[in-house]
All heavy atoms as atom14 arrays in JSON, in Angstrom:
{
  "sequence": "AAVDWSGRNVRYVDSVKGRFTISRDNTKDTVLL",
  "atom14_mask": [
    [1, 1, 1, 1, 1, 0, 0, 0, 0, 0, 0, 0, 0, 0],
    [1, 1, 1, 1, 1, 0, 0, 0, 0, 0, 0, 0, 0, 0],
    [1, 1, 1, 1, 1, 1, 1, 0, 0, 0, 0, 0, 0, 0],
    [1, 1, 1, 1, 1, 1, 1, 1, 0, 0, 0, 0, 0, 0],
    [1, 1, 1, 1, 1, 1, 1, 1, 1, 1, 1, 1, 1, 1],
    [1, 1, 1, 1, 1, 1, 0, 0, 0, 0, 0, 0, 0, 0],
    [1, 1, 1, 1, 0, 0, 0, 0, 0, 0, 0, 0, 0, 0],
    [1, 1, 1, 1, 1, 1, 1, 1, 1, 1, 1, 0, 0, 0],
    [1, 1, 1, 1, 1, 1, 1, 1, 0, 0, 0, 0, 0, 0],
    [1, 1, 1, 1, 1, 1, 1, 0, 0, 0, 0, 0, 0, 0],
    [1, 1, 1, 1, 1, 1, 1, 1, 1, 1, 1, 0, 0, 0],
    [1, 1, 1, 1, 1, 1, 1, 1, 1, 1, 1, 1, 0, 0],
    [1, 1, 1, 1, 1, 1, 1, 0, 0, 0, 0, 0, 0, 0],
    [1, 1, 1, 1, 1, 1, 1, 1, 0, 0, 0, 0, 0, 0],
    [1, 1, 1, 1, 1, 1, 0, 0, 0, 0, 0, 0, 0, 0],
    [1, 1, 1, 1, 1, 1, 1, 0, 0, 0, 0, 0, 0, 0],
    [1, 1, 1, 1, 1, 1, 1, 1, 1, 0, 0, 0, 0, 0],
    [1, 1, 1, 1, 0, 0, 0, 0, 0, 0, 0, 0, 0, 0],
    [1, 1, 1, 1, 1, 1, 1, 1, 1, 1, 1, 0, 0, 0],
    [1, 1, 1, 1, 1, 1, 1, 1, 1, 1, 1, 0, 0, 0],
    [1, 1, 1, 1, 1, 1, 1, 0, 0, 0, 0, 0, 0, 0],
    [1, 1, 1, 1, 1, 1, 1, 1, 0, 0, 0, 0, 0, 0],
    [1, 1, 1, 1, 1, 1, 0, 0, 0, 0, 0, 0, 0, 0],
    [1, 1, 1, 1, 1, 1, 1, 1, 1, 1, 1, 0, 0, 0],
    [1, 1, 1, 1, 1, 1, 1, 1, 0, 0, 0, 0, 0, 0],
    [1, 1, 1, 1, 1, 1, 1, 1, 0, 0, 0, 0, 0, 0],
    [1, 1, 1, 1, 1, 1, 1, 0, 0, 0, 0, 0, 0, 0],
    [1, 1, 1, 1, 1, 1, 1, 1, 1, 0, 0, 0, 0, 0],
    [1, 1, 1, 1, 1, 1, 1, 1, 0, 0, 0, 0, 0, 0],
    [1, 1, 1, 1, 1, 1, 1, 0, 0, 0, 0, 0, 0, 0],
    [1, 1, 1, 1, 1, 1, 1, 0, 0, 0, 0, 0, 0, 0],
    [1, 1, 1, 1, 1, 1, 1, 1, 0, 0, 0, 0, 0, 0],
    [1, 1, 1, 1, 1, 1, 1, 1, 0, 0, 0, 0, 0, 0]
  ],
  "atom14_positions": [
    [[-4.04, -6.21, -0.49], [-4.66, -5.04, 0.12], [-3.87, -3.81, -0.24], [-2.66, -3.87, -0.44], [-4.73, -5.2, 1.64], [0.0, 0.0, 0.0], [0.0, 0.0, 0.0], [0.0, 0.0, 0.0], [0.0, 0.0, 0.0], [0.0, 0.0, 0.0], [0.0, 0.0, 0.0], [0.0, 0.0, 0.0], [0.0, 0.0, 0.0], [0.0, 0.0, 0.0]],
    [[-4.55, -2.68, -0.33], [-3.9, -1.43, -0.66], [-4.52, -0.3, 0.14], [-5.71, -0.35, 0.48], [-4.01, -1.13, -2.16], [0.0, 0.0, 0.0], [0.0, 0.0, 0.0], [0.0, 0.0, 0.0], [0.0, 0.0, 0.0], [0.0, 0.0, 0.0], [0.0, 0.0, 0.0], [0.0, 0.0, 0.0], [0.0, 0.0, 0.0], [0.0, 0.0, 0.0]],
    [[-3.73, 0.71, 0.42], [-4.2, 1.88, 1.15], [-3.58, 3.12, 0.54], [-2.4, 3.1, 0.16], [-3.87, 1.75, 2.66], [-2.38, 1.6, 2.89], [-4.43, 2.92, 3.45], [0.0, 0.0, 0.0], [0.0, 0.0, 0.0], [0.0, 0.0, 0.0], [0.0, 0.0, 0.0], [0.0, 0.0, 0.0], [0.0, 0.0, 0.0], [0.0, 0.0, 0.0]],
    [[-4.35, 4.17, 0.44], [-3.83, 5.39, -0.16], [-2.99, 6.18, 0.83], [-2.78, 5.76, 1.97], [-4.97, 6.24, -0.74], [-5.76, 7.01, 0.32], [-5.68, 6.67, 1.52], [-6.47, 7.95, -0.07], [0.0, 0.0, 0.0], [0.0, 0.0, 0.0], [0.0, 0.0, 0.0], [0.0, 0.0, 0.0], [0.0, 0.0, 0.0], [0.0, 0.0, 0.0]],
    [[-2.51, 7.33, 0.42], [-1.59, 8.11, 1.23], [-2.18, 8.54, 2.57], [-1.45, 8.69, 3.56], [-1.15, 9.36, 0.46], [-2.29, 10.31, 0.19], [-3.12, 10.3, -0.89], [-2.73, 11.39, 1.02], [-4.05, 11.31, -0.78], [-3.84, 11.99, 0.38], [-2.29, 11.9, 2.25], [-4.52, 13.09, 0.93], [-2.97, 12.99, 2.8], [-4.07, 13.57, 2.13]],
    [[-3.49, 8.75, 2.61], [-4.14, 9.26, 3.82], [-4.51, 8.17, 4.81], [-4.76, 8.46, 5.98], [-5.4, 10.04, 3.45], [-6.43, 9.17, 3.03], [0.0, 0.0, 0.0], [0.0, 0.0, 0.0], [0.0, 0.0, 0.0], [0.0, 0.0, 0.0], [0.0, 0.0, 0.0], [0.0, 0.0, 0.0], [0.0, 0.0, 0.0], [0.0, 0.0, 0.0]],
    [[-4.58, 6.92, 4.34], [-5.04, 5.83, 5.18], [-6.55, 5.69, 5.2], [-7.07, 4.76, 5.83], [0.0, 0.0, 0.0], [0.0, 0.0, 0.0], [0.0, 0.0, 0.0], [0.0, 0.0, 0.0], [0.0, 0.0, 0.0], [0.0, 0.0, 0.0], [0.0, 0.0, 0.0], [0.0, 0.0, 0.0], [0.0, 0.0, 0.0], [0.0, 0.0, 0.0]],
    [[-7.25, 6.56, 4.52], [-8.71, 6.55, 4.56], [-9.34, 5.64, 3.52], [-10.47, 5.18, 3.72], [-9.25, 7.97, 4.35], [-8.88, 8.95, 5.46], [-9.47, 10.31, 5.18], [-9.18, 11.27, 6.24], [-9.58, 12.53, 6.24], [-10.31, 12.99, 5.22], [-9.26, 13.33, 7.24], [0.0, 0.0, 0.0], [0.0, 0.0, 0.0], [0.0, 0.0, 0.0]],
    [[-8.63, 5.39, 2.44], [-9.17, 4.59, 1.35], [-8.41, 3.28, 1.24], [-7.19, 3.27, 1.04], [-9.09, 5.36, 0.03], [-9.86, 6.66, 0.08], [-11.08, 6.66, 0.3], [-9.18, 7.78, -0.1], [0.0, 0.0, 0.0], [0.0, 0.0, 0.0], [0.0, 0.0, 0.0], [0.0, 0.0, 0.0], [0.0, 0.0, 0.0], [0.0, 0.0, 0.0]],
    [[-9.12, 2.18, 1.38], [-8.51, 0.86, 1.36], [-9.23, -0.05, 0.38], [-10.42, 0.14, 0.09], [-8.5, 0.21, 2.76], [-7.67, 1.03, 3.73], [-9.92, 0.05, 3.29], [0.0, 0.0, 0.0], [0.0, 0.0, 0.0], [0.0, 0.0, 0.0], [0.0, 0.0, 0.0], [0.0, 0.0, 0.0], [0.0, 0.0, 0.0], [0.0, 0.0, 0.0]],
    [[-8.52, -1.04, -0.13], [-9.08, -2.04, -1.02], [-8.5, -3.4, -0.68], [-7.35, -3.49, -0.26], [-8.82, -1.71, -2.49], [-9.61, -0.52, -3.02], [-9.49, -0.42, -4.51], [-10.4, 0.57, -5.06], [-10.67, 0.72, -6.34], [-10.08, -0.08, -7.23], [-11.51, 1.64, -6.75], [0.0, 0.0, 0.0], [0.0, 0.0, 0.0], [0.0, 0.0, 0.0]],
    [[-9.29, -4.45, -0.89], [-8.88, -5.81, -0.61], [-9.29, -6.75, -1.73], [-10.34, -6.55, -2.37], [-9.52, -6.33, 0.68], [-9.22, -5.5, 1.9], [-10.09, -4.5, 2.31], [-8.06, -5.73, 2.64], [-9.81, -3.74, 3.43], [-7.79, -4.97, 3.76], [-8.66, -3.98, 4.15], [-8.39, -3.23, 5.27], [0.0, 0.0, 0.0], [0.0, 0.0, 0.0]],
    [[-8.49, -7.77, -1.95], [-8.92, -8.84, -2.83], [-10.08, -9.56, -2.15], [-10.15, -9.64, -0.92], [-7.75, -9.79, -3.14], [-7.32, -10.56, -1.9], [-8.09, -10.73, -4.28], [0.0, 0.0, 0.0], [0.0, 0.0, 0.0], [0.0, 0.0, 0.0], [0.0, 0.0, 0.0], [0.0, 0.0, 0.0], [0.0, 0.0, 0.0], [0.0, 0.0, 0.0]],
    [[-11.02, -10.06, -2.95], [-12.23, -10.64, -2.39], [-11.96, -11.76, -1.39], [-12.68, -11.9, -0.39], [-13.12, -11.19, -3.52], [-13.81, -10.1, -4.31], [-13.86, -8.96, -3.83], [-14.32, -10.41, -5.4], [0.0, 0.0, 0.0], [0.0, 0.0, 0.0], [0.0, 0.0, 0.0], [0.0, 0.0, 0.0], [0.0, 0.0, 0.0], [0.0, 0.0, 0.0]],
    [[-10.93, -12.54, -1.61], [-10.67, -13.7, -0.78], [-10.26, -13.35, 0.65], [-10.3, -14.22, 1.53], [-9.59, -14.58, -1.41], [-8.37, -13.88, -1.55], [0.0, 0.0, 0.0], [0.0, 0.0, 0.0], [0.0, 0.0, 0.0], [0.0, 0.0, 0.0], [0.0, 0.0, 0.0], [0.0, 0.0, 0.0], [0.0, 0.0, 0.0], [0.0, 0.0, 0.0]],
    [[-9.88, -12.11, 0.92], [-9.46, -11.74, 2.27], [-10.39, -10.73, 2.92], [-10.18, -10.37, 4.09], [-8.01, -11.19, 2.29], [-7.08, -12.15, 1.57], [-7.94, -9.8, 1.69], [0.0, 0.0, 0.0], [0.0, 0.0, 0.0], [0.0, 0.0, 0.0], [0.0, 0.0, 0.0], [0.0, 0.0, 0.0], [0.0, 0.0, 0.0], [0.0, 0.0, 0.0]],
    [[-11.41, -10.29, 2.22], [-12.34, -9.31, 2.78], [-12.99, -9.86, 4.04], [-13.45, -10.99, 4.08], [-13.41, -8.94, 1.76], [-12.9, -8.07, 0.63], [-14.01, -7.7, -0.34], [-13.51, -6.8, -1.45], [-14.57, -6.48, -2.45], [0.0, 0.0, 0.0], [0.0, 0.0, 0.0], [0.0, 0.0, 0.0], [0.0, 0.0, 0.0], [0.0, 0.0, 0.0]],
    [[-13.01, -9.03, 5.07], [-13.57, -9.44, 6.34], [-12.59, -10.14, 7.25], [-12.89, -10.35, 8.43], [0.0, 0.0, 0.0], [0.0, 0.0, 0.0], [0.0, 0.0, 0.0], [0.0, 0.0, 0.0], [0.0, 0.0, 0.0], [0.0, 0.0, 0.0], [0.0, 0.0, 0.0], [0.0, 0.0, 0.0], [0.0, 0.0, 0.0], [0.0, 0.0, 0.0]],
    [[-11.43, -10.51, 6.73], [-10.43, -11.21, 7.53], [-9.15, -10.39, 7.71], [-8.52, -10.47, 8.75], [-10.07, -12.55, 6.89], [-11.25, -13.5, 6.76], [-10.8, -14.89, 6.34], [-10.18, -14.88, 5.01], [-8.93, -15.27, 4.77], [-8.16, -15.7, 5.76], [-8.45, -15.24, 3.53], [0.0, 0.0, 0.0], [0.0, 0.0, 0.0], [0.0, 0.0, 0.0]],
    [[-8.76, -9.64, 6.68], [-7.52, -8.86, 6.71], [-7.85, -7.38, 6.82], [-8.86, -6.91, 6.29], [-6.7, -9.08, 5.44], [-6.09, -10.44, 5.28], [-6.43, -11.5, 6.11], [-5.15, -10.66, 4.28], [-5.86, -12.75, 5.96], [-4.58, -11.91, 4.11], [-4.93, -12.95, 4.94], [0.0, 0.0, 0.0], [0.0, 0.0, 0.0], [0.0, 0.0, 0.0]],
    [[-6.96, -6.65, 7.46], [-7.09, -5.2, 7.57], [-5.74, -4.55, 7.32], [-4.76, -4.89, 7.99], [-7.59, -4.78, 8.96], [-8.85, -5.41, 9.24], [-7.76, -3.26, 9.02], [0.0, 0.0, 0.0], [0.0, 0.0, 0.0], [0.0, 0.0, 0.0], [0.0, 0.0, 0.0], [0.0, 0.0, 0.0], [0.0, 0.0, 0.0], [0.0, 0.0, 0.0]],
    [[-5.7, -3.64, 6.36], [-4.49, -2.88, 6.1], [-4.61, -1.52, 6.77], [-5.69, -0.92, 6.78], [-4.21, -2.74, 4.59], [-2.84, -2.11, 4.35], [-5.31, -1.95, 3.89], [-2.4, -2.12, 2.88], [0.0, 0.0, 0.0], [0.0, 0.0, 0.0], [0.0, 0.0, 0.0], [0.0, 0.0, 0.0], [0.0, 0.0, 0.0], [0.0, 0.0, 0.0]],
    [[-3.53, -1.04, 7.32], [-3.52, 0.27, 7.94], [-2.13, 0.87, 7.82], [-1.16, 0.17, 7.55], [-3.95, 0.19, 9.41], [-3.05, -0.61, 10.16], [0.0, 0.0, 0.0], [0.0, 0.0, 0.0], [0.0, 0.0, 0.0], [0.0, 0.0, 0.0], [0.0, 0.0, 0.0], [0.0, 0.0, 0.0], [0.0, 0.0, 0.0], [0.0, 0.0, 0.0]],
    [[-2.05, 2.17, 8.01], [-0.74, 2.82, 7.98], [-0.66, 3.87, 9.07], [-1.67, 4.44, 9.49], [-0.49, 3.46, 6.61], [-1.38, 4.65, 6.28], [-1.2, 5.09, 4.82], [0.15, 5.54, 4.55], [0.69, 5.62, 3.33], [-0.04, 5.24, 2.27], [1.92, 6.06, 3.17], [0.0, 0.0, 0.0], [0.0, 0.0, 0.0], [0.0, 0.0, 0.0]],
    [[0.55, 4.09, 9.53], [0.81, 5.11, 10.53], [1.85, 6.05, 9.93], [3.03, 5.72, 9.86], [1.32, 4.49, 11.82], [1.46, 5.49, 12.94], [1.49, 6.71, 12.66], [1.53, 5.08, 14.11], [0.0, 0.0, 0.0], [0.0, 0.0, 0.0], [0.0, 0.0, 0.0], [0.0, 0.0, 0.0], [0.0, 0.0, 0.0], [0.0, 0.0, 0.0]],
    [[1.39, 7.2, 9.49], [2.29, 8.14, 8.81], [3.22, 8.88, 9.77], [4.1, 9.6, 9.33], [1.47, 9.14, 7.99], [0.9, 8.53, 6.73], [1.26, 7.42, 6.34], [-0.01, 9.24, 6.08], [0.0, 0.0, 0.0], [0.0, 0.0, 0.0], [0.0, 0.0, 0.0], [0.0, 0.0, 0.0], [0.0, 0.0, 0.0], [0.0, 0.0, 0.0]],
    [[3.01, 8.7, 11.07], [3.94, 9.25, 12.04], [5.09, 8.31, 12.32], [6.1, 8.71, 12.9], [3.23, 9.58, 13.37], [2.83, 8.38, 14.03], [2.01, 10.45, 13.12], [0.0, 0.0, 0.0], [0.0, 0.0, 0.0], [0.0, 0.0, 0.0], [0.0, 0.0, 0.0], [0.0, 0.0, 0.0], [0.0, 0.0, 0.0], [0.0, 0.0, 0.0]],
    [[4.94, 7.04, 11.93], [5.97, 6.03, 12.16], [6.5, 5.4, 10.88], [7.32, 4.49, 10.94], [5.43, 4.93, 13.07], [5.01, 5.43, 14.45], [4.48, 4.3, 15.32], [4.09, 4.8, 16.69], [3.53, 3.71, 17.53], [0.0, 0.0, 0.0], [0.0, 0.0, 0.0], [0.0, 0.0, 0.0], [0.0, 0.0, 0.0], [0.0, 0.0, 0.0]],
    [[6.03, 5.87, 9.74], [6.44, 5.34, 8.44], [6.29, 3.82, 8.39], [7.22, 3.08, 8.02], [7.88, 5.74, 8.12], [8.04, 7.23, 7.86], [7.04, 7.97, 7.98], [9.16, 7.66, 7.55], [0.0, 0.0, 0.0], [0.0, 0.0, 0.0], [0.0, 0.0, 0.0], [0.0, 0.0, 0.0], [0.0, 0.0, 0.0], [0.0, 0.0, 0.0]],
    [[5.1, 3.36, 8.75], [4.85, 1.94, 8.86], [3.49, 1.59, 8.26], [2.53, 2.36, 8.41], [4.87, 1.48, 10.33], [6.15, 1.78, 10.9], [4.61, -0.01, 10.45], [0.0, 0.0, 0.0], [0.0, 0.0, 0.0], [0.0, 0.0, 0.0], [0.0, 0.0, 0.0], [0.0, 0.0, 0.0], [0.0, 0.0, 0.0], [0.0, 0.0, 0.0]],
    [[3.41, 0.46, 7.59], [2.14, -0.07, 7.12], [1.98, -1.47, 7.7], [2.95, -2.24, 7.76], [2.04, -0.07, 5.58], [3.14, -0.91, 4.96], [0.67, -0.54, 5.13], [0.0, 0.0, 0.0], [0.0, 0.0, 0.0], [0.0, 0.0, 0.0], [0.0, 0.0, 0.0], [0.0, 0.0, 0.0], [0.0, 0.0, 0.0], [0.0, 0.0, 0.0]],
    [[0.77, -1.8, 8.13], [0.49, -3.06, 8.78], [-0.53, -3.84, 7.98], [-1.36, -3.29, 7.28], [-0.05, -2.84, 10.19], [0.8, -2.03, 11.16], [0.05, -1.82, 12.46], [2.13, -2.72, 11.41], [0.0, 0.0, 0.0], [0.0, 0.0, 0.0], [0.0, 0.0, 0.0], [0.0, 0.0, 0.0], [0.0, 0.0, 0.0], [0.0, 0.0, 0.0]],
    [[-0.47, -5.15, 8.12], [-1.51, -6.03, 7.6], [-1.9, -6.99, 8.71], [-1.15, -7.91, 9.03], [-1.04, -6.8, 6.37], [-2.11, -7.67, 5.7], [-3.19, -6.79, 5.07], [-1.5, -8.59, 4.65], [0.0, 0.0, 0.0], [0.0, 0.0, 0.0], [0.0, 0.0, 0.0], [0.0, 0.0, 0.0], [0.0, 0.0, 0.0], [0.0, 0.0, 0.0]]
  ]
}
């Protein structure tokens, strides 16, 4: 999974679509899966 600088644009490998979610919090310098 990948997310751009804004957190608005995300991409996933087909095998995890619908199951995994990537997100980021730019106020906490953290990315989650």
